[in-house]
Amino acid sequence: MDTKKILIAVCVGFVILAFVSTSWAGETRIPLEAAKPHPNASGTAYLSGDTISIHAKGLQPGSVYTVWFVNLKPSKHETGAGSAPYMFRTDSKGNGAYAATLSESPFGEWAMIMVVLHPNGNPKDMKSMKGALKAPIPTTG
């Protein structure tokens, strides 16, 4: 009889834990893969319906990067993720972090997240930017 009570308590505990975990989670974890110009880069994006955060390493130290949502079809177009200038600067070890509030959910609207380097340090210069990290965005969060 005690074993049955313990088993019921454990099951109830797992159900409560599952419910609390999903309500706390509320965000989708997206591993970012390195683009050719940054072979040692890695990172993770965390997306919810109204926020984005990115943690990256292996980027160029002391450099300016911007974060974009991109669609490739039917033609390539992009929008900055968050508020202009959509940028972060890496530390002396090539680590960087970005966080922003989004005006709308990217799920089902955008195909990819891209993090790009601005070699001249100007986040408004779109001509000389180089890919650093990227990942597909799931259609639902």
N, C-alpha and C. Protein backbone atom coordinates (compact mmCIF):
# COMPACT_ATOMS: atom_id res chain seq x y z
N MET A 1 0.82 -1.20 0.00
CA MET A 1 0.00 0.00 0.00
C MET A 1 0.86 1.25 0.00
N ASP A 2 1.92 1.29 0.77
CA ASP A 2 2.80 2.45 0.79
C ASP A 2 3.46 2.66 -0.58
N THR A 3 3.79 1.58 -1.25
CA THR A 3 4.39 1.68 -2.57
C THR A 3 3.43 2.33 -3.55
N LYS A 4 2.15 2.00 -3.45
CA LYS A 4 1.14 2.60 -4.33
C LYS A 4 1.03 4.10 -4.09
N LYS A 5 1.05 4.53 -2.83
CA LYS A 5 0.97 5.96 -2.51
C LYS A 5 2.20 6.69 -3.02
N ILE A 6 3.35 6.07 -2.87
CA ILE A 6 4.59 6.69 -3.35
C ILE A 6 4.55 6.83 -4.87
N LEU A 7 4.10 5.78 -5.54
CA LEU A 7 4.00 5.81 -7.00
C LEU A 7 3.04 6.91 -7.46
N ILE A 8 1.90 7.05 -6.81
CA ILE A 8 0.93 8.10 -7.16
C ILE A 8 1.56 9.48 -6.91
N ALA A 9 2.25 9.64 -5.78
CA ALA A 9 2.88 10.93 -5.47
C ALA A 9 3.95 11.29 -6.51
N VAL A 10 4.73 10.31 -6.93
CA VAL A 10 5.76 10.54 -7.94
C VAL A 10 5.11 10.93 -9.27
N CYS A 11 4.05 10.24 -9.66
CA CYS A 11 3.35 10.57 -10.91
C CYS A 11 2.78 11.98 -10.87
N VAL A 12 2.13 12.33 -9.77
CA VAL A 12 1.58 13.68 -9.62
C VAL A 12 2.71 14.72 -9.68
N GLY A 13 3.84 14.41 -9.05
CA GLY A 13 5.00 15.31 -9.09
C GLY A 13 5.50 15.53 -10.50
N PHE A 14 5.58 14.45 -11.29
CA PHE A 14 6.01 14.60 -12.68
C PHE A 14 5.04 15.43 -13.50
N VAL A 15 3.77 15.26 -13.29
CA VAL A 15 2.76 16.05 -14.01
C VAL A 15 2.91 17.53 -13.66
N ILE A 16 3.06 17.83 -12.39
CA ILE A 16 3.23 19.23 -11.96
C ILE A 16 4.53 19.79 -12.54
N LEU A 17 5.60 19.03 -12.48
CA LEU A 17 6.88 19.48 -13.02
C LEU A 17 6.78 19.75 -14.52
N ALA A 18 6.11 18.87 -15.25
CA ALA A 18 5.94 19.07 -16.69
C ALA A 18 5.15 20.33 -16.98
N PHE A 19 4.09 20.57 -16.23
CA PHE A 19 3.27 21.77 -16.43
C PHE A 19 4.07 23.04 -16.13
N VAL A 20 4.78 23.05 -15.02
CA VAL A 20 5.56 24.23 -14.64
C VAL A 20 6.69 24.47 -15.64
N SER A 21 7.35 23.41 -16.08
CA SER A 21 8.45 23.56 -17.04
C SER A 21 7.99 24.17 -18.34
N THR A 22 6.85 23.73 -18.86
CA THR A 22 6.38 24.28 -20.12
C THR A 22 5.92 25.72 -19.96
N SER A 23 5.38 26.08 -18.83
CA SER A 23 4.96 27.46 -18.65
C SER A 23 6.16 28.37 -18.42
N TRP A 24 7.22 27.87 -17.79
CA TRP A 24 8.43 28.67 -17.61
C TRP A 24 9.21 28.78 -18.91
N ALA A 25 9.24 27.69 -19.64
CA ALA A 25 10.07 27.67 -20.84
C ALA A 25 9.65 28.79 -21.77
N GLY A 26 8.49 28.72 -22.35
CA GLY A 26 7.94 29.77 -23.18
C GLY A 26 8.84 30.26 -24.29
N GLU A 27 10.01 29.69 -24.45
CA GLU A 27 10.91 30.11 -25.50
C GLU A 27 11.46 28.90 -26.21
N THR A 28 11.87 29.12 -27.44
CA THR A 28 12.42 28.05 -28.26
C THR A 28 13.93 28.24 -28.35
N ARG A 29 14.66 27.18 -28.06
CA ARG A 29 16.13 27.20 -28.14
C ARG A 29 16.53 26.78 -29.55
N ILE A 30 17.34 27.61 -30.21
CA ILE A 30 17.76 27.35 -31.58
C ILE A 30 19.28 27.37 -31.66
N PRO A 31 19.93 26.22 -31.88
CA PRO A 31 21.39 26.20 -32.05
C PRO A 31 21.77 26.93 -33.34
N LEU A 32 22.76 27.79 -33.26
CA LEU A 32 23.23 28.54 -34.42
C LEU A 32 24.47 27.85 -34.99
N GLU A 33 24.55 27.76 -36.31
CA GLU A 33 25.71 27.13 -36.94
C GLU A 33 26.60 28.19 -37.58
N ALA A 34 27.88 27.89 -37.63
CA ALA A 34 28.87 28.83 -38.16
C ALA A 34 28.75 28.95 -39.67
N ALA A 35 28.91 30.17 -40.15
CA ALA A 35 29.04 30.43 -41.58
C ALA A 35 30.52 30.31 -41.94
N LYS A 36 30.84 30.15 -43.22
CA LYS A 36 32.22 29.91 -43.65
C LYS A 36 33.23 30.94 -43.14
N PRO A 37 32.90 32.24 -43.13
CA PRO A 37 33.91 33.20 -42.64
C PRO A 37 34.23 33.08 -41.14
N HIS A 38 33.43 32.33 -40.40
CA HIS A 38 33.61 32.17 -38.95
C HIS A 38 33.56 30.68 -38.57
N PRO A 39 34.50 29.87 -39.03
CA PRO A 39 34.39 28.42 -38.83
C PRO A 39 34.38 27.96 -37.38
N ASN A 40 34.93 28.75 -36.47
CA ASN A 40 34.98 28.35 -35.06
C ASN A 40 33.85 28.95 -34.22
N ALA A 41 32.96 29.66 -34.87
CA ALA A 41 31.87 30.31 -34.14
C ALA A 41 30.77 29.31 -33.79
N SER A 42 30.11 29.58 -32.68
CA SER A 42 28.94 28.80 -32.30
C SER A 42 28.06 29.69 -31.44
N GLY A 43 26.82 29.29 -31.29
CA GLY A 43 25.93 30.09 -30.47
C GLY A 43 24.56 29.47 -30.36
N THR A 44 23.73 30.12 -29.58
CA THR A 44 22.36 29.69 -29.37
C THR A 44 21.47 30.92 -29.36
N ALA A 45 20.35 30.81 -30.06
CA ALA A 45 19.32 31.85 -30.02
C ALA A 45 18.16 31.31 -29.20
N TYR A 46 17.54 32.19 -28.45
CA TYR A 46 16.35 31.86 -27.68
C TYR A 46 15.26 32.80 -28.15
N LEU A 47 14.19 32.22 -28.70
CA LEU A 47 13.09 33.01 -29.24
C LEU A 47 11.80 32.71 -28.52
N SER A 48 11.06 33.76 -28.22
CA SER A 48 9.68 33.61 -27.78
C SER A 48 8.87 34.44 -28.76
N GLY A 49 7.60 34.59 -28.53
CA GLY A 49 6.79 35.39 -29.44
C GLY A 49 7.18 36.85 -29.47
N ASP A 50 7.79 37.35 -28.37
CA ASP A 50 8.11 38.78 -28.34
C ASP A 50 9.51 39.12 -27.86
N THR A 51 10.41 38.13 -27.75
CA THR A 51 11.79 38.41 -27.37
C THR A 51 12.76 37.52 -28.13
N ILE A 52 13.97 38.02 -28.24
CA ILE A 52 15.08 37.23 -28.79
C ILE A 52 16.29 37.47 -27.91
N SER A 53 17.06 36.43 -27.67
CA SER A 53 18.36 36.58 -27.05
C SER A 53 19.32 35.62 -27.74
N ILE A 54 20.55 36.06 -27.87
CA ILE A 54 21.58 35.27 -28.54
C ILE A 54 22.82 35.29 -27.67
N HIS A 55 23.43 34.12 -27.54
CA HIS A 55 24.71 33.97 -26.85
C HIS A 55 25.64 33.30 -27.86
N ALA A 56 26.79 33.95 -28.14
CA ALA A 56 27.70 33.45 -29.17
C ALA A 56 29.13 33.46 -28.66
N LYS A 57 29.94 32.58 -29.26
CA LYS A 57 31.37 32.54 -28.96
C LYS A 57 32.12 32.16 -30.23
N GLY A 58 33.42 32.41 -30.21
CA GLY A 58 34.23 32.09 -31.38
C GLY A 58 34.13 33.12 -32.49
N LEU A 59 33.59 34.30 -32.18
CA LEU A 59 33.50 35.37 -33.16
C LEU A 59 34.79 36.20 -33.10
N GLN A 60 34.91 37.18 -33.99
CA GLN A 60 36.09 38.04 -33.97
C GLN A 60 36.05 38.94 -32.74
N PRO A 61 37.11 38.96 -31.96
CA PRO A 61 37.15 39.81 -30.76
C PRO A 61 36.99 41.29 -31.09
N GLY A 62 36.28 42.00 -30.21
CA GLY A 62 36.12 43.45 -30.33
C GLY A 62 35.46 43.89 -31.61
N SER A 63 34.53 43.12 -32.13
CA SER A 63 33.90 43.43 -33.42
C SER A 63 32.41 43.67 -33.29
N VAL A 64 31.85 44.33 -34.30
CA VAL A 64 30.42 44.66 -34.33
C VAL A 64 29.67 43.63 -35.17
N TYR A 65 28.57 43.12 -34.60
CA TYR A 65 27.70 42.16 -35.27
C TYR A 65 26.26 42.67 -35.20
N THR A 66 25.46 42.30 -36.19
CA THR A 66 24.03 42.60 -36.15
C THR A 66 23.24 41.32 -36.32
N VAL A 67 21.95 41.37 -35.93
CA VAL A 67 21.08 40.19 -35.92
C VAL A 67 19.89 40.47 -36.82
N TRP A 68 19.59 39.50 -37.71
CA TRP A 68 18.55 39.68 -38.73
C TRP A 68 17.64 38.47 -38.82
N PHE A 69 16.38 38.74 -39.17
CA PHE A 69 15.46 37.70 -39.63
C PHE A 69 15.46 37.77 -41.15
N VAL A 70 15.55 36.61 -41.80
CA VAL A 70 15.72 36.57 -43.25
C VAL A 70 14.76 35.56 -43.89
N ASN A 71 14.21 35.95 -45.03
CA ASN A 71 13.49 35.04 -45.92
C ASN A 71 14.27 34.96 -47.21
N LEU A 72 14.38 33.76 -47.77
CA LEU A 72 15.10 33.57 -49.02
C LEU A 72 14.18 33.38 -50.21
N LYS A 73 12.91 33.08 -49.96
CA LYS A 73 11.95 32.83 -51.04
C LYS A 73 10.72 33.71 -50.84
N PRO A 74 10.07 34.19 -51.84
CA PRO A 74 10.41 34.05 -53.25
C PRO A 74 11.64 34.87 -53.64
N SER A 75 11.99 35.89 -52.87
CA SER A 75 13.24 36.61 -53.08
C SER A 75 13.80 36.95 -51.70
N LYS A 76 15.10 37.19 -51.64
CA LYS A 76 15.74 37.45 -50.35
C LYS A 76 15.32 38.82 -49.82
N HIS A 77 14.86 38.84 -48.58
CA HIS A 77 14.63 40.09 -47.87
C HIS A 77 14.82 39.84 -46.38
N GLU A 78 15.11 40.91 -45.66
CA GLU A 78 15.42 40.77 -44.24
C GLU A 78 14.89 41.95 -43.45
N THR A 79 14.84 41.73 -42.14
CA THR A 79 14.49 42.80 -41.21
C THR A 79 15.34 42.60 -39.96
N GLY A 80 15.71 43.69 -39.34
CA GLY A 80 16.49 43.60 -38.12
C GLY A 80 15.68 42.96 -37.00
N ALA A 81 16.35 42.21 -36.16
CA ALA A 81 15.69 41.55 -35.04
C ALA A 81 15.73 42.48 -33.82
N GLY A 82 14.60 43.08 -33.51
CA GLY A 82 14.53 43.99 -32.37
C GLY A 82 14.47 45.44 -32.81
N SER A 83 15.26 46.28 -32.14
CA SER A 83 15.29 47.71 -32.43
C SER A 83 16.63 48.10 -33.04
N ALA A 84 16.59 49.02 -34.00
CA ALA A 84 17.82 49.48 -34.65
C ALA A 84 18.78 50.00 -33.60
N PRO A 85 20.05 49.74 -33.74
CA PRO A 85 20.76 49.19 -34.91
C PRO A 85 20.95 47.67 -34.88
N TYR A 86 20.23 46.92 -34.03
CA TYR A 86 20.24 45.45 -34.00
C TYR A 86 21.64 44.87 -33.74
N MET A 87 22.45 45.54 -32.96
CA MET A 87 23.86 45.18 -32.86
C MET A 87 24.33 44.79 -31.47
N PHE A 88 25.46 44.09 -31.47
CA PHE A 88 26.21 43.83 -30.26
C PHE A 88 27.69 43.84 -30.61
N ARG A 89 28.53 44.05 -29.62
CA ARG A 89 29.98 44.05 -29.81
C ARG A 89 30.56 42.89 -29.00
N THR A 90 31.47 42.16 -29.61
CA THR A 90 32.10 41.04 -28.92
C THR A 90 33.18 41.53 -27.96
N ASP A 91 33.46 40.71 -26.95
CA ASP A 91 34.51 41.04 -26.00
C ASP A 91 35.87 40.63 -26.56
N SER A 92 36.90 40.75 -25.74
CA SER A 92 38.27 40.47 -26.18
C SER A 92 38.52 38.98 -26.48
N LYS A 93 37.57 38.12 -26.10
CA LYS A 93 37.70 36.68 -26.38
C LYS A 93 36.77 36.22 -27.51
N GLY A 94 36.02 37.15 -28.11
CA GLY A 94 35.12 36.79 -29.20
C GLY A 94 33.76 36.31 -28.75
N ASN A 95 33.41 36.58 -27.49
CA ASN A 95 32.09 36.22 -26.97
C ASN A 95 31.15 37.42 -27.12
N GLY A 96 29.89 37.14 -27.39
CA GLY A 96 28.93 38.22 -27.52
C GLY A 96 27.54 37.78 -27.12
N ALA A 97 26.74 38.76 -26.75
CA ALA A 97 25.35 38.49 -26.38
C ALA A 97 24.47 39.61 -26.92
N TYR A 98 23.26 39.23 -27.27
CA TYR A 98 22.29 40.19 -27.81
C TYR A 98 20.93 39.84 -27.22
N ALA A 99 20.15 40.86 -26.87
CA ALA A 99 18.78 40.64 -26.39
C ALA A 99 17.93 41.81 -26.84
N ALA A 100 16.71 41.50 -27.26
CA ALA A 100 15.80 42.56 -27.73
C ALA A 100 14.36 42.11 -27.60
N THR A 101 13.49 43.11 -27.52
CA THR A 101 12.06 42.87 -27.58
C THR A 101 11.65 42.96 -29.04
N LEU A 102 10.75 42.07 -29.44
CA LEU A 102 10.29 42.03 -30.83
C LEU A 102 8.88 42.62 -30.93
N SER A 103 8.60 43.31 -32.04
CA SER A 103 7.28 43.89 -32.24
C SER A 103 6.27 42.84 -32.69
N GLU A 104 6.78 41.73 -33.27
CA GLU A 104 5.90 40.62 -33.67
C GLU A 104 6.67 39.32 -33.64
N SER A 105 5.96 38.23 -33.55
CA SER A 105 6.58 36.92 -33.49
C SER A 105 7.22 36.56 -34.84
N PRO A 106 8.44 36.02 -34.82
CA PRO A 106 9.08 35.60 -36.07
C PRO A 106 8.62 34.23 -36.56
N PHE A 107 7.95 33.46 -35.69
CA PHE A 107 7.54 32.10 -36.06
C PHE A 107 6.51 32.14 -37.20
N GLY A 108 6.81 31.41 -38.26
CA GLY A 108 5.92 31.36 -39.41
C GLY A 108 6.02 32.56 -40.33
N GLU A 109 6.78 33.59 -39.92
CA GLU A 109 6.95 34.80 -40.73
C GLU A 109 8.32 34.87 -41.38
N TRP A 110 9.33 34.35 -40.70
CA TRP A 110 10.71 34.44 -41.17
C TRP A 110 11.32 33.05 -41.20
N ALA A 111 12.19 32.81 -42.19
CA ALA A 111 12.79 31.49 -42.38
C ALA A 111 14.05 31.28 -41.57
N MET A 112 14.85 32.34 -41.37
CA MET A 112 16.15 32.17 -40.74
C MET A 112 16.49 33.32 -39.79
N ILE A 113 17.39 33.01 -38.86
CA ILE A 113 18.08 34.02 -38.06
C ILE A 113 19.50 34.07 -38.61
N MET A 114 20.01 35.28 -38.82
CA MET A 114 21.40 35.42 -39.25
C MET A 114 22.10 36.46 -38.38
N VAL A 115 23.32 36.13 -37.99
CA VAL A 115 24.19 37.06 -37.28
C VAL A 115 25.32 37.39 -38.24
N VAL A 116 25.56 38.68 -38.49
CA VAL A 116 26.56 39.08 -39.47
C VAL A 116 27.58 40.04 -38.87
N LEU A 117 28.81 39.93 -39.34
CA LEU A 117 29.92 40.80 -38.93
C LEU A 117 29.94 42.05 -39.80
N HIS A 118 30.22 43.17 -39.18
CA HIS A 118 30.44 44.43 -39.91
C HIS A 118 31.92 44.77 -39.70
N PRO A 119 32.80 44.37 -40.65
CA PRO A 119 34.24 44.51 -40.47
C PRO A 119 34.71 45.93 -40.18
N ASN A 120 34.00 46.92 -40.71
CA ASN A 120 34.42 48.31 -40.49
C ASN A 120 33.81 48.90 -39.22
N GLY A 121 33.03 48.10 -38.47
CA GLY A 121 32.45 48.57 -37.22
C GLY A 121 31.18 49.38 -37.35
N ASN A 122 30.70 49.56 -38.57
CA ASN A 122 29.49 50.35 -38.81
C ASN A 122 28.30 49.42 -39.04
N PRO A 123 27.37 49.32 -38.07
CA PRO A 123 26.24 48.40 -38.23
C PRO A 123 25.27 48.82 -39.34
N LYS A 124 25.40 50.02 -39.85
CA LYS A 124 24.53 50.48 -40.95
C LYS A 124 25.10 50.12 -42.32
N ASP A 125 26.37 49.71 -42.37
CA ASP A 125 27.01 49.35 -43.63
C ASP A 125 26.61 47.93 -44.01
N MET A 126 25.69 47.83 -44.95
CA MET A 126 25.18 46.52 -45.37
C MET A 126 25.98 45.92 -46.52
N LYS A 127 26.88 46.68 -47.11
CA LYS A 127 27.60 46.19 -48.29
C LYS A 127 28.80 45.31 -47.92
N SER A 128 29.44 45.57 -46.78
CA SER A 128 30.65 44.81 -46.45
C SER A 128 30.42 43.77 -45.36
N MET A 129 29.18 43.53 -44.98
CA MET A 129 28.92 42.56 -43.91
C MET A 129 29.25 41.14 -44.35
N LYS A 130 29.60 40.30 -43.36
CA LYS A 130 29.96 38.91 -43.61
C LYS A 130 29.20 38.01 -42.65
N GLY A 131 28.67 36.92 -43.16
CA GLY A 131 27.93 35.97 -42.34
C GLY A 131 28.78 35.39 -41.23
N ALA A 132 28.16 35.19 -40.07
CA ALA A 132 28.87 34.60 -38.94
C ALA A 132 28.14 33.36 -38.41
N LEU A 133 26.85 33.52 -38.11
CA LEU A 133 26.04 32.43 -37.56
C LEU A 133 24.67 32.44 -38.24
N LYS A 134 24.05 31.27 -38.32
CA LYS A 134 22.72 31.20 -38.92
C LYS A 134 21.98 29.96 -38.43
N ALA A 135 20.67 30.02 -38.57
CA ALA A 135 19.84 28.85 -38.24
C ALA A 135 18.43 29.07 -38.78
N PRO A 136 17.76 27.98 -39.15
CA PRO A 136 16.35 28.11 -39.53
C PRO A 136 15.49 28.38 -38.32
N ILE A 137 14.42 29.12 -38.53
CA ILE A 137 13.44 29.41 -37.47
C ILE A 137 12.29 28.43 -37.64
N PRO A 138 11.90 27.72 -36.60
CA PRO A 138 10.74 26.83 -36.72
C PRO A 138 9.48 27.62 -37.06
N THR A 139 8.52 26.98 -37.69
CA THR A 139 7.29 27.69 -38.06
C THR A 139 6.42 27.98 -36.85
N THR A 140 6.58 27.22 -35.78
CA THR A 140 5.83 27.50 -34.54
C THR A 140 6.80 27.50 -33.37
N GLY A 141 6.47 28.30 -32.35
CA GLY A 141 7.34 28.40 -31.18
C GLY A 141 6.85 27.58 -30.12
